């Protein structure tokens, strides 16, 4: 049998808890799909912002004849 220190037990518990939370989130997302019509995601909102504002070069152009 293994004899573990208090810190090792804590690390093992943390890893197991992280795995369980990850599995719970995965199952929740699988059973509750996001409807894109009612709640746009981050990518969609960023895409809309990009379409609304064309890219502008904010850096000044460097002169060809610099001393």
C-alpha atoms as a PDB file:
ATOM      1  CA  UNK A   1       0.000   0.000   0.000  1.00  0.00           C
ATOM      2  CA  UNK A   2       1.151   3.536  -0.702  1.00  0.00           C
ATOM      3  CA  UNK A   3       1.825   5.996   2.074  1.00  0.00           C
ATOM      4  CA  UNK A   4       1.153   9.495   0.825  1.00  0.00           C
ATOM      5  CA  UNK A   5       1.906  12.796   2.477  1.00  0.00           C
ATOM      6  CA  UNK A   6      -0.794  15.364   3.123  1.00  0.00           C
ATOM      7  CA  UNK A   7       0.410  17.457   0.154  1.00  0.00           C
ATOM      8  CA  UNK A   8       0.363  14.464  -2.212  1.00  0.00           C
ATOM      9  CA  UNK A   9      -3.186  13.592  -1.140  1.00  0.00           C
ATOM     10  CA  UNK A  10      -4.216  17.193  -1.764  1.00  0.00           C
ATOM     11  CA  UNK A  11      -2.719  17.135  -5.271  1.00  0.00           C
ATOM     12  CA  UNK A  12      -4.455  13.859  -6.110  1.00  0.00           C
ATOM     13  CA  UNK A  13      -7.787  15.241  -4.870  1.00  0.00           C
ATOM     14  CA  UNK A  14      -7.318  18.410  -6.932  1.00  0.00           C
ATOM     15  CA  UNK A  15      -6.571  16.431 -10.106  1.00  0.00           C
ATOM     16  CA  UNK A  16      -9.555  14.153  -9.561  1.00  0.00           C
ATOM     17  CA  UNK A  17     -11.807  17.151  -8.897  1.00  0.00           C
ATOM     18  CA  UNK A  18     -10.561  18.879 -12.064  1.00  0.00           C
ATOM     19  CA  UNK A  19     -11.309  15.757 -14.120  1.00  0.00           C
ATOM     20  CA  UNK A  20     -14.801  15.447 -12.618  1.00  0.00           C
ATOM     21  CA  UNK A  21     -15.588  19.116 -13.261  1.00  0.00           C
ATOM     22  CA  UNK A  22     -14.339  18.767 -16.838  1.00  0.00           C
ATOM     23  CA  UNK A  23     -16.561  15.742 -17.428  1.00  0.00           C
ATOM     24  CA  UNK A  24     -19.541  17.541 -15.897  1.00  0.00           C
ATOM     25  CA  UNK A  25     -19.026  20.563 -18.154  1.00  0.00           C
ATOM     26  CA  UNK A  26     -18.648  18.294 -21.179  1.00  0.00           C
ATOM     27  CA  UNK A  27     -21.918  16.501 -20.417  1.00  0.00           C
ATOM     28  CA  UNK A  28     -23.726  19.759 -19.707  1.00  0.00           C
ATOM     29  CA  UNK A  29     -22.632  21.227 -23.041  1.00  0.00           C
ATOM     30  CA  UNK A  30     -23.579  18.031 -24.859  1.00  0.00           C
ATOM     31  CA  UNK A  31     -27.084  18.077 -23.350  1.00  0.00           C
ATOM     32  CA  UNK A  32     -27.636  21.856 -23.597  1.00  0.00           C
ATOM     33  CA  UNK A  33     -26.607  23.028 -27.074  1.00  0.00           C
ATOM     34  CA  UNK A  34     -26.329  26.776 -27.582  1.00  0.00           C
ATOM     35  CA  UNK A  35     -28.828  28.256 -29.997  1.00  0.00           C
ATOM     36  CA  UNK A  36     -27.050  30.791 -32.239  1.00  0.00           C
ATOM     37  CA  UNK A  37     -30.302  32.619 -32.994  1.00  0.00           C
ATOM     38  CA  UNK A  38     -30.984  33.718 -29.433  1.00  0.00           C
ATOM     39  CA  UNK A  39     -27.475  34.210 -28.056  1.00  0.00           C
ATOM     40  CA  UNK A  40     -24.671  35.112 -30.445  1.00  0.00           C
ATOM     41  CA  UNK A  41     -21.271  33.828 -29.480  1.00  0.00           C
ATOM     42  CA  UNK A  42     -18.047  35.748 -29.140  1.00  0.00           C
ATOM     43  CA  UNK A  43     -16.862  34.857 -32.633  1.00  0.00           C
ATOM     44  CA  UNK A  44     -20.080  36.122 -34.196  1.00  0.00           C
ATOM     45  CA  UNK A  45     -19.990  39.393 -32.285  1.00  0.00           C
ATOM     46  CA  UNK A  46     -16.345  39.934 -33.205  1.00  0.00           C
ATOM     47  CA  UNK A  47     -17.131  39.193 -36.840  1.00  0.00           C
ATOM     48  CA  UNK A  48     -19.900  41.800 -36.803  1.00  0.00           C
ATOM     49  CA  UNK A  49     -17.521  44.375 -35.320  1.00  0.00           C
ATOM     50  CA  UNK A  50     -14.952  43.609 -38.003  1.00  0.00           C
ATOM     51  CA  UNK A  51     -17.537  44.104 -40.755  1.00  0.00           C
ATOM     52  CA  UNK A  52     -18.698  47.376 -39.228  1.00  0.00           C
ATOM     53  CA  UNK A  53     -15.198  48.874 -38.886  1.00  0.00           C
ATOM     54  CA  UNK A  54     -12.763  48.483 -41.769  1.00  0.00           C
ATOM     55  CA  UNK A  55      -9.116  48.072 -40.838  1.00  0.00           C
ATOM     56  CA  UNK A  56      -7.184  51.298 -40.606  1.00  0.00           C
ATOM     57  CA  UNK A  57      -3.448  51.576 -40.321  1.00  0.00           C
ATOM     58  CA  UNK A  58      -2.898  53.538 -37.115  1.00  0.00           C
ATOM     59  CA  UNK A  59       0.910  53.538 -37.355  1.00  0.00           C
ATOM     60  CA  UNK A  60       2.465  56.450 -39.232  1.00  0.00           C
ATOM     61  CA  UNK A  61       4.206  55.597 -42.470  1.00  0.00           C
ATOM     62  CA  UNK A  62       7.993  55.625 -42.307  1.00  0.00           C
ATOM     63  CA  UNK A  63       9.684  58.036 -44.656  1.00  0.00           C
ATOM     64  CA  UNK A  64      11.915  56.544 -47.316  1.00  0.00           C
ATOM     65  CA  UNK A  65      14.708  59.079 -46.767  1.00  0.00           C
ATOM     66  CA  UNK A  66      15.583  58.803 -43.107  1.00  0.00           C
ATOM     67  CA  UNK A  67      18.893  60.334 -41.916  1.00  0.00           C
END
